[in-house]
């Protein structure tokens, strides 16, 4: 399928917004405390695993068969921020900042000290990017061990970077132990900050599209509830893109589910 830049933007903004809405809502998490010392907690361990799985999708790429090319959501969001089609009075600014902050945080390489892997009798410090262990844990949350050959190869490469040689069976043996350390412990610790980053991106999309929404919506008559329609931009011609535009405008009629909040700095200080 072929779409022009404006149509791709609308399609991806809808997809990104929906992915974030699936993660950042009160069915999955609860927001505790007051700014600047807020904290996010999951309603259950199942919700934590679900959040990690959807986050894995968010950090991955779109299907090539749908859009004609495989594009990462955060990479596409960067392209949108650099050449926005609906920017008015710099409404794109907060979305640009929130995306950049999240990407910088994800790409940071951290050192996790004294990881104990009893199945191979190894205690070690491990240098690893945050995005790496988040995606590994997302895959382990999502798939049975019989479908984790890609994760096994990735673990072998990460340990090799750290001067440790793992055999395939050793990498398979440590899957549960890695998950326990990096999902149950470290990912849980980081979850409040991650939800804040995602919520800021969601608010950035809302603020970016407000001028477009105000310009596009046309109210009909005076009866309540009042009927309305949207005026499509000239560049939005494809039927699917028009459908995405309509849905997107409807979804930015109201503010995001969760208010803006600031997580306590004590949940941002380790690894």
C-alpha atoms as a PDB file:
ATOM      1  CA  UNK A   1       0.000   0.000   0.000  1.00  0.00           C
ATOM      2  CA  UNK A   2       1.304   3.453  -0.870  1.00  0.00           C
ATOM      3  CA  UNK A   3       0.588   6.591   1.147  1.00  0.00           C
ATOM      4  CA  UNK A   4       1.935  10.129   0.910  1.00  0.00           C
ATOM      5  CA  UNK A   5       3.745  11.737   3.863  1.00  0.00           C
ATOM      6  CA  UNK A   6       0.658  13.371   5.347  1.00  0.00           C
ATOM      7  CA  UNK A   7      -1.274  10.101   5.168  1.00  0.00           C
ATOM      8  CA  UNK A   8       1.604   8.169   6.754  1.00  0.00           C
ATOM      9  CA  UNK A   9       1.752  10.712   9.550  1.00  0.00           C
ATOM     10  CA  UNK A  10      -1.928  10.323  10.347  1.00  0.00           C
ATOM     11  CA  UNK A  11      -1.716   6.516  10.231  1.00  0.00           C
ATOM     12  CA  UNK A  12       1.315   6.370  12.496  1.00  0.00           C
ATOM     13  CA  UNK A  13       0.023   8.942  14.983  1.00  0.00           C
ATOM     14  CA  UNK A  14      -3.153   6.907  15.352  1.00  0.00           C
ATOM     15  CA  UNK A  15      -1.141   3.686  15.819  1.00  0.00           C
ATOM     16  CA  UNK A  16       1.247   5.271  18.345  1.00  0.00           C
ATOM     17  CA  UNK A  17      -1.574   6.891  20.296  1.00  0.00           C
ATOM     18  CA  UNK A  18      -3.479   3.611  20.504  1.00  0.00           C
ATOM     19  CA  UNK A  19      -0.412   1.669  21.649  1.00  0.00           C
ATOM     20  CA  UNK A  20       0.196   4.189  24.436  1.00  0.00           C
ATOM     21  CA  UNK A  21      -3.481   4.255  25.417  1.00  0.00           C
ATOM     22  CA  UNK A  22      -3.360   0.456  25.754  1.00  0.00           C
ATOM     23  CA  UNK A  23      -0.512   0.793  28.263  1.00  0.00           C
ATOM     24  CA  UNK A  24      -1.222   4.039  30.088  1.00  0.00           C
ATOM     25  CA  UNK A  25      -4.690   3.727  31.576  1.00  0.00           C
ATOM     26  CA  UNK A  26      -6.194   3.058  34.994  1.00  0.00           C
ATOM     27  CA  UNK A  27      -7.147  -0.514  34.167  1.00  0.00           C
ATOM     28  CA  UNK A  28      -3.437  -1.341  33.896  1.00  0.00           C
ATOM     29  CA  UNK A  29      -1.809   1.062  36.375  1.00  0.00           C
ATOM     30  CA  UNK A  30      -2.657   3.323  39.265  1.00  0.00           C
ATOM     31  CA  UNK A  31      -1.060   6.709  39.877  1.00  0.00           C
ATOM     32  CA  UNK A  32      -0.066   7.430  43.468  1.00  0.00           C
ATOM     33  CA  UNK A  33       1.340  10.459  45.276  1.00  0.00           C
ATOM     34  CA  UNK A  34       1.702  14.095  44.316  1.00  0.00           C
ATOM     35  CA  UNK A  35       4.161  15.799  41.990  1.00  0.00           C
ATOM     36  CA  UNK A  36       7.104  15.877  41.969  1.00  0.00           C
ATOM     37  CA  UNK A  37       6.972  12.604  43.905  1.00  0.00           C
ATOM     38  CA  UNK A  38       4.386  10.613  41.972  1.00  0.00           C
ATOM     39  CA  UNK A  39       4.673   6.857  41.533  1.00  0.00           C
ATOM     40  CA  UNK A  40       3.033   4.321  39.223  1.00  0.00           C
ATOM     41  CA  UNK A  41       2.063   0.832  40.354  1.00  0.00           C
ATOM     42  CA  UNK A  42       0.603  -2.001  38.333  1.00  0.00           C
ATOM     43  CA  UNK A  43      -2.704  -3.519  39.321  1.00  0.00           C
ATOM     44  CA  UNK A  44      -1.175  -7.023  39.164  1.00  0.00           C
ATOM     45  CA  UNK A  45       1.898  -8.883  37.928  1.00  0.00           C
ATOM     46  CA  UNK A  46      -0.182  -9.894  34.903  1.00  0.00           C
ATOM     47  CA  UNK A  47      -0.690  -6.208  34.066  1.00  0.00           C
ATOM     48  CA  UNK A  48       3.077  -5.675  34.413  1.00  0.00           C
ATOM     49  CA  UNK A  49       3.767  -8.462  31.892  1.00  0.00           C
ATOM     50  CA  UNK A  50       1.039  -7.105  29.575  1.00  0.00           C
ATOM     51  CA  UNK A  51       2.586  -3.635  29.770  1.00  0.00           C
ATOM     52  CA  UNK A  52       6.003  -5.054  28.847  1.00  0.00           C
ATOM     53  CA  UNK A  53       4.513  -6.917  25.863  1.00  0.00           C
ATOM     54  CA  UNK A  54       2.759  -3.832  24.449  1.00  0.00           C
ATOM     55  CA  UNK A  55       5.887  -1.767  25.102  1.00  0.00           C
ATOM     56  CA  UNK A  56       7.843  -4.317  23.074  1.00  0.00           C
ATOM     57  CA  UNK A  57       5.455  -3.690  20.160  1.00  0.00           C
ATOM     58  CA  UNK A  58       5.839   0.074  20.610  1.00  0.00           C
ATOM     59  CA  UNK A  59       9.638  -0.257  20.458  1.00  0.00           C
ATOM     60  CA  UNK A  60       9.454  -2.441  17.344  1.00  0.00           C
ATOM     61  CA  UNK A  61       8.531  -1.806  13.695  1.00  0.00           C
ATOM     62  CA  UNK A  62       5.386  -1.708  11.617  1.00  0.00           C
ATOM     63  CA  UNK A  63       4.479  -4.520   9.222  1.00  0.00           C
ATOM     64  CA  UNK A  64       6.067  -4.025   5.799  1.00  0.00           C
ATOM     65  CA  UNK A  65       3.036  -5.574   4.093  1.00  0.00           C
ATOM     66  CA  UNK A  66       0.721  -2.857   5.435  1.00  0.00           C
ATOM     67  CA  UNK A  67       2.697   0.316   4.744  1.00  0.00           C
ATOM     68  CA  UNK A  68       5.087  -0.895   2.056  1.00  0.00           C
ATOM     69  CA  UNK A  69       8.133  -0.459   4.287  1.00  0.00           C
ATOM     70  CA  UNK A  70       9.169  -1.501   7.777  1.00  0.00           C
ATOM     71  CA  UNK A  71       9.340   1.546  10.025  1.00  0.00           C
ATOM     72  CA  UNK A  72       9.947   1.858  13.757  1.00  0.00           C
ATOM     73  CA  UNK A  73       7.345   3.825  15.693  1.00  0.00           C
ATOM     74  CA  UNK A  74       9.879   6.011  17.500  1.00  0.00           C
ATOM     75  CA  UNK A  75      11.851   6.530  14.281  1.00  0.00           C
ATOM     76  CA  UNK A  76       8.714   7.550  12.425  1.00  0.00           C
ATOM     77  CA  UNK A  77       7.781   9.849  15.300  1.00  0.00           C
ATOM     78  CA  UNK A  78      11.165  11.534  14.896  1.00  0.00           C
ATOM     79  CA  UNK A  79      10.468  12.073  11.177  1.00  0.00           C
ATOM     80  CA  UNK A  80       7.049  13.532  12.028  1.00  0.00           C
ATOM     81  CA  UNK A  81       8.612  15.926  14.541  1.00  0.00           C
ATOM     82  CA  UNK A  82      11.203  17.050  11.994  1.00  0.00           C
ATOM     83  CA  UNK A  83       8.672  17.609   9.174  1.00  0.00           C
ATOM     84  CA  UNK A  84       5.200  17.877  10.735  1.00  0.00           C
ATOM     85  CA  UNK A  85       2.214  18.330   8.426  1.00  0.00           C
ATOM     86  CA  UNK A  86      -0.107  19.883  11.025  1.00  0.00           C
ATOM     87  CA  UNK A  87       2.211  22.128  13.034  1.00  0.00           C
ATOM     88  CA  UNK A  88       0.710  25.478  13.982  1.00  0.00           C
ATOM     89  CA  UNK A  89       2.336  27.972  16.342  1.00  0.00           C
ATOM     90  CA  UNK A  90       4.968  25.355  17.194  1.00  0.00           C
ATOM     91  CA  UNK A  91       2.350  22.952  18.570  1.00  0.00           C
ATOM     92  CA  UNK A  92       4.813  20.123  17.784  1.00  0.00           C
ATOM     93  CA  UNK A  93       7.288  21.324  20.434  1.00  0.00           C
ATOM     94  CA  UNK A  94       6.240  19.199  23.428  1.00  0.00           C
ATOM     95  CA  UNK A  95       5.949  16.061  21.299  1.00  0.00           C
ATOM     96  CA  UNK A  96       9.482  16.623  19.980  1.00  0.00           C
ATOM     97  CA  UNK A  97      10.895  17.072  23.478  1.00  0.00           C
ATOM     98  CA  UNK A  98       9.083  14.085  24.996  1.00  0.00           C
ATOM     99  CA  UNK A  99      10.187  11.747  22.180  1.00  0.00           C
ATOM    100  CA  UNK A 100      13.814  12.869  22.429  1.00  0.00           C
ATOM    101  CA  UNK A 101      13.867  12.418  26.208  1.00  0.00           C
ATOM    102  CA  UNK A 102      12.487   8.890  25.979  1.00  0.00           C
ATOM    103  CA  UNK A 103      14.888   7.842  23.214  1.00  0.00           C
ATOM    104  CA  UNK A 104      17.894   9.210  25.135  1.00  0.00           C
ATOM    105  CA  UNK A 105      16.782   7.293  28.227  1.00  0.00           C
ATOM    106  CA  UNK A 106      16.231   4.060  26.264  1.00  0.00           C
ATOM    107  CA  UNK A 107      19.601   4.189  24.488  1.00  0.00           C
ATOM    108  CA  UNK A 108      21.636   4.766  27.647  1.00  0.00           C
ATOM    109  CA  UNK A 109      23.996   1.895  28.420  1.00  0.00           C
ATOM    110  CA  UNK A 110      23.929   1.066  32.112  1.00  0.00           C
ATOM    111  CA  UNK A 111      25.955  -1.267  34.315  1.00  0.00           C
ATOM    112  CA  UNK A 112      23.962  -3.707  36.418  1.00  0.00           C
ATOM    113  CA  UNK A 113      26.196  -5.036  39.169  1.00  0.00           C
ATOM    114  CA  UNK A 114      26.431  -8.499  40.703  1.00  0.00           C
ATOM    115  CA  UNK A 115      23.909 -10.373  38.592  1.00  0.00           C
ATOM    116  CA  UNK A 116      23.740 -13.919  39.935  1.00  0.00           C
ATOM    117  CA  UNK A 117      22.954 -16.655  37.412  1.00  0.00           C
ATOM    118  CA  UNK A 118      22.958 -19.864  39.453  1.00  0.00           C
ATOM    119  CA  UNK A 119      22.178 -22.242  36.571  1.00  0.00           C
ATOM    120  CA  UNK A 120      25.617 -21.488  35.063  1.00  0.00           C
ATOM    121  CA  UNK A 121      27.252 -20.531  38.390  1.00  0.00           C
ATOM    122  CA  UNK A 122      28.093 -16.998  37.257  1.00  0.00           C
ATOM    123  CA  UNK A 123      28.046 -13.695  39.105  1.00  0.00           C
ATOM    124  CA  UNK A 124      28.935 -10.741  36.930  1.00  0.00           C
ATOM    125  CA  UNK A 125      28.449  -7.064  36.194  1.00  0.00           C
ATOM    126  CA  UNK A 126      26.616  -6.544  32.922  1.00  0.00           C
ATOM    127  CA  UNK A 127      26.767  -3.489  30.662  1.00  0.00           C
ATOM    128  CA  UNK A 128      23.541  -3.306  28.673  1.00  0.00           C
ATOM    129  CA  UNK A 129      21.297  -0.727  27.016  1.00  0.00           C
ATOM    130  CA  UNK A 130      17.937  -0.196  28.668  1.00  0.00           C
ATOM    131  CA  UNK A 131      16.120  -0.772  25.389  1.00  0.00           C
ATOM    132  CA  UNK A 132      17.885  -4.127  25.050  1.00  0.00           C
ATOM    133  CA  UNK A 133      16.714  -5.641  28.312  1.00  0.00           C
ATOM    134  CA  UNK A 134      13.226  -4.130  27.955  1.00  0.00           C
ATOM    135  CA  UNK A 135      12.767  -5.838  24.571  1.00  0.00           C
ATOM    136  CA  UNK A 136      14.270  -9.110  25.785  1.00  0.00           C
ATOM    137  CA  UNK A 137      11.931  -9.152  28.785  1.00  0.00           C
ATOM    138  CA  UNK A 138       8.993  -8.262  26.533  1.00  0.00           C
ATOM    139  CA  UNK A 139       9.732 -11.237  24.326  1.00  0.00           C
ATOM    140  CA  UNK A 140      10.080 -13.569  27.313  1.00  0.00           C
ATOM    141  CA  UNK A 141       6.744 -12.232  28.641  1.00  0.00           C
ATOM    142  CA  UNK A 142       5.130 -12.828  25.267  1.00  0.00           C
ATOM    143  CA  UNK A 143       6.569 -16.159  24.126  1.00  0.00           C
ATOM    144  CA  UNK A 144       7.181 -19.636  25.455  1.00  0.00           C
ATOM    145  CA  UNK A 145      10.882 -20.569  25.706  1.00  0.00           C
ATOM    146  CA  UNK A 146      10.529 -22.762  22.590  1.00  0.00           C
ATOM    147  CA  UNK A 147      10.055 -19.580  20.552  1.00  0.00           C
ATOM    148  CA  UNK A 148      12.934 -17.558  21.982  1.00  0.00           C
ATOM    149  CA  UNK A 149      15.832 -18.449  19.686  1.00  0.00           C
ATOM    150  CA  UNK A 150      16.197 -14.758  18.787  1.00  0.00           C
ATOM    151  CA  UNK A 151      16.462 -13.815  22.467  1.00  0.00           C
ATOM    152  CA  UNK A 152      19.052 -16.572  22.998  1.00  0.00           C
ATOM    153  CA  UNK A 153      21.201 -15.130  20.188  1.00  0.00           C
ATOM    154  CA  UNK A 154      20.805 -11.610  21.577  1.00  0.00           C
ATOM    155  CA  UNK A 155      21.860 -12.699  25.067  1.00  0.00           C
ATOM    156  CA  UNK A 156      24.943 -14.421  23.617  1.00  0.00           C
ATOM    157  CA  UNK A 157      25.926 -11.168  21.852  1.00  0.00           C
ATOM    158  CA  UNK A 158      25.335  -8.996  24.944  1.00  0.00           C
ATOM    159  CA  UNK A 159      27.429 -11.273  27.153  1.00  0.00           C
ATOM    160  CA  UNK A 160      30.119 -11.436  24.457  1.00  0.00           C
ATOM    161  CA  UNK A 161      30.333  -7.618  24.568  1.00  0.00           C
ATOM    162  CA  UNK A 162      30.953  -8.011  28.284  1.00  0.00           C
ATOM    163  CA  UNK A 163      33.779 -10.494  27.751  1.00  0.00           C
ATOM    164  CA  UNK A 164      31.741 -13.600  28.604  1.00  0.00           C
ATOM    165  CA  UNK A 165      31.251 -16.497  26.204  1.00  0.00           C
ATOM    166  CA  UNK A 166      27.892 -18.263  26.442  1.00  0.00           C
ATOM    167  CA  UNK A 167      26.936 -21.402  24.601  1.00  0.00           C
ATOM    168  CA  UNK A 168      23.431 -21.704  23.164  1.00  0.00           C
ATOM    169  CA  UNK A 169      22.287 -24.057  25.935  1.00  0.00           C
ATOM    170  CA  UNK A 170      23.740 -21.779  28.615  1.00  0.00           C
ATOM    171  CA  UNK A 171      21.821 -18.802  27.209  1.00  0.00           C
ATOM    172  CA  UNK A 172      18.678 -20.939  27.215  1.00  0.00           C
ATOM    173  CA  UNK A 173      19.334 -21.978  30.809  1.00  0.00           C
ATOM    174  CA  UNK A 174      19.543 -18.398  32.092  1.00  0.00           C
ATOM    175  CA  UNK A 175      16.328 -17.121  30.451  1.00  0.00           C
ATOM    176  CA  UNK A 176      14.267 -17.371  33.645  1.00  0.00           C
ATOM    177  CA  UNK A 177      17.059 -15.963  35.811  1.00  0.00           C
ATOM    178  CA  UNK A 178      17.632 -13.036  33.455  1.00  0.00           C
ATOM    179  CA  UNK A 179      13.874 -12.385  33.434  1.00  0.00           C
ATOM    180  CA  UNK A 180      13.715 -12.466  37.221  1.00  0.00           C
ATOM    181  CA  UNK A 181      16.488  -9.871  37.532  1.00  0.00           C
ATOM    182  CA  UNK A 182      15.616  -7.593  34.645  1.00  0.00           C
ATOM    183  CA  UNK A 183      11.802  -7.825  34.491  1.00  0.00           C
ATOM    184  CA  UNK A 184      10.608  -8.550  38.014  1.00  0.00           C
ATOM    185  CA  UNK A 185      13.237  -6.301  39.606  1.00  0.00           C
ATOM    186  CA  UNK A 186      14.728  -3.702  37.244  1.00  0.00           C
ATOM    187  CA  UNK A 187      11.827  -3.220  34.813  1.00  0.00           C
ATOM    188  CA  UNK A 188       9.417  -2.882  37.733  1.00  0.00           C
ATOM    189  CA  UNK A 189      11.694  -0.228  39.227  1.00  0.00           C
ATOM    190  CA  UNK A 190      11.803   1.677  35.910  1.00  0.00           C
ATOM    191  CA  UNK A 191       8.083   1.320  35.171  1.00  0.00           C
ATOM    192  CA  UNK A 192       7.066   4.617  36.792  1.00  0.00           C
ATOM    193  CA  UNK A 193       9.572   6.554  34.675  1.00  0.00           C
ATOM    194  CA  UNK A 194       8.539   4.657  31.519  1.00  0.00           C
ATOM    195  CA  UNK A 195       4.853   5.437  32.086  1.00  0.00           C
ATOM    196  CA  UNK A 196       5.767   9.116  32.580  1.00  0.00           C
ATOM    197  CA  UNK A 197       7.707   9.152  29.288  1.00  0.00           C
ATOM    198  CA  UNK A 198       4.833   7.495  27.416  1.00  0.00           C
ATOM    199  CA  UNK A 199       2.235   9.761  28.983  1.00  0.00           C
ATOM    200  CA  UNK A 200       4.253  12.820  27.941  1.00  0.00           C
ATOM    201  CA  UNK A 201       4.355  11.544  24.346  1.00  0.00           C
ATOM    202  CA  UNK A 202       0.599  10.962  24.454  1.00  0.00           C
ATOM    203  CA  UNK A 203       0.028  14.500  25.724  1.00  0.00           C
ATOM    204  CA  UNK A 204       2.442  15.758  23.046  1.00  0.00           C
ATOM    205  CA  UNK A 205       0.282  14.179  20.324  1.00  0.00           C
ATOM    206  CA  UNK A 206      -2.835  15.732  21.851  1.00  0.00           C
ATOM    207  CA  UNK A 207      -1.271  19.213  22.025  1.00  0.00           C
ATOM    208  CA  UNK A 208       0.244  18.951  18.552  1.00  0.00           C
ATOM    209  CA  UNK A 209      -3.128  18.150  16.952  1.00  0.00           C
ATOM    210  CA  UNK A 210      -5.288  20.635  18.833  1.00  0.00           C
ATOM    211  CA  UNK A 211      -4.942  23.428  16.216  1.00  0.00           C
ATOM    212  CA  UNK A 212      -5.736  20.929  13.442  1.00  0.00           C
ATOM    213  CA  UNK A 213      -8.759  19.649  15.355  1.00  0.00           C
ATOM    214  CA  UNK A 214     -10.097  23.169  15.959  1.00  0.00           C
ATOM    215  CA  UNK A 215      -9.650  24.026  12.280  1.00  0.00           C
ATOM    216  CA  UNK A 216     -11.115  20.781  10.973  1.00  0.00           C
ATOM    217  CA  UNK A 217     -14.256  20.258  13.041  1.00  0.00           C
ATOM    218  CA  UNK A 218     -17.523  21.654  11.671  1.00  0.00           C
ATOM    219  CA  UNK A 219     -20.621  21.594  13.896  1.00  0.00           C
ATOM    220  CA  UNK A 220     -24.042  21.048  12.358  1.00  0.00           C
ATOM    221  CA  UNK A 221     -27.218  22.607  13.734  1.00  0.00           C
ATOM    222  CA  UNK A 222     -28.007  23.393  17.360  1.00  0.00           C
ATOM    223  CA  UNK A 223     -29.567  20.167  18.625  1.00  0.00           C
ATOM    224  CA  UNK A 224     -27.941  18.248  21.469  1.00  0.00           C
ATOM    225  CA  UNK A 225     -25.948  16.148  21.164  1.00  0.00           C
ATOM    226  CA  UNK A 226     -24.645  18.368  18.403  1.00  0.00           C
ATOM    227  CA  UNK A 227     -23.787  16.705  15.097  1.00  0.00           C
ATOM    228  CA  UNK A 228     -20.429  17.417  13.492  1.00  0.00           C
ATOM    229  CA  UNK A 229     -18.067  16.409  10.716  1.00  0.00           C
ATOM    230  CA  UNK A 230     -14.427  16.989   9.848  1.00  0.00           C
ATOM    231  CA  UNK A 231     -12.950  18.753   6.853  1.00  0.00           C
ATOM    232  CA  UNK A 232     -10.192  16.572   5.459  1.00  0.00           C
ATOM    233  CA  UNK A 233      -6.850  18.220   4.598  1.00  0.00           C
ATOM    234  CA  UNK A 234      -6.100  18.343   0.870  1.00  0.00           C
ATOM    235  CA  UNK A 235      -3.260  15.815   1.215  1.00  0.00           C
ATOM    236  CA  UNK A 236      -5.449  13.163   2.868  1.00  0.00           C
ATOM    237  CA  UNK A 237      -7.015  11.343  -0.085  1.00  0.00           C
ATOM    238  CA  UNK A 238      -6.698   7.612   0.623  1.00  0.00           C
ATOM    239  CA  UNK A 239      -9.841   6.061   2.145  1.00  0.00           C
ATOM    240  CA  UNK A 240      -7.953   4.280   4.939  1.00  0.00           C
ATOM    241  CA  UNK A 241      -5.966   7.418   5.777  1.00  0.00           C
ATOM    242  CA  UNK A 242      -9.220   9.410   5.888  1.00  0.00           C
ATOM    243  CA  UNK A 243     -10.634   6.876   8.324  1.00  0.00           C
ATOM    244  CA  UNK A 244      -7.510   7.211  10.500  1.00  0.00           C
ATOM    245  CA  UNK A 245      -7.762  11.010  10.354  1.00  0.00           C
ATOM    246  CA  UNK A 246     -11.415  10.928  11.451  1.00  0.00           C
ATOM    247  CA  UNK A 247     -10.622   8.590  14.343  1.00  0.00           C
ATOM    248  CA  UNK A 248      -7.607  10.670  15.359  1.00  0.00           C
ATOM    249  CA  UNK A 249      -9.610  13.890  15.434  1.00  0.00           C
ATOM    250  CA  UNK A 250     -12.314  12.176  17.487  1.00  0.00           C
ATOM    251  CA  UNK A 251      -9.719  10.889  19.925  1.00  0.00           C
ATOM    252  CA  UNK A 252      -8.110  14.311  20.524  1.00  0.00           C
ATOM    253  CA  UNK A 253     -11.467  15.904  21.286  1.00  0.00           C
ATOM    254  CA  UNK A 254     -10.768  15.096  24.932  1.00  0.00           C
ATOM    255  CA  UNK A 255      -7.583  15.013  26.998  1.00  0.00           C
ATOM    256  CA  UNK A 256      -5.580  11.786  27.523  1.00  0.00           C
ATOM    257  CA  UNK A 257      -6.720   9.327  30.189  1.00  0.00           C
ATOM    258  CA  UNK A 258      -4.003  10.224  32.663  1.00  0.00           C
ATOM    259  CA  UNK A 259      -3.010  13.683  33.826  1.00  0.00           C
ATOM    260  CA  UNK A 260       0.525  14.929  33.358  1.00  0.00           C
ATOM    261  CA  UNK A 261       2.654  13.871  36.305  1.00  0.00           C
ATOM    262  CA  UNK A 262       6.251  13.847  37.493  1.00  0.00           C
ATOM    263  CA  UNK A 263       7.810  10.723  38.973  1.00  0.00           C
ATOM    264  CA  UNK A 264       9.949  11.016  42.089  1.00  0.00           C
ATOM    265  CA  UNK A 265      13.649  11.270  41.312  1.00  0.00           C
ATOM    266  CA  UNK A 266      14.327   8.284  43.573  1.00  0.00           C
ATOM    267  CA  UNK A 267      12.786   6.076  40.867  1.00  0.00           C
ATOM    268  CA  UNK A 268      15.209   7.403  38.257  1.00  0.00           C
ATOM    269  CA  UNK A 269      18.542   7.079  40.013  1.00  0.00           C
ATOM    270  CA  UNK A 270      19.556   3.413  39.519  1.00  0.00           C
ATOM    271  CA  UNK A 271      20.625   1.578  36.371  1.00  0.00           C
END
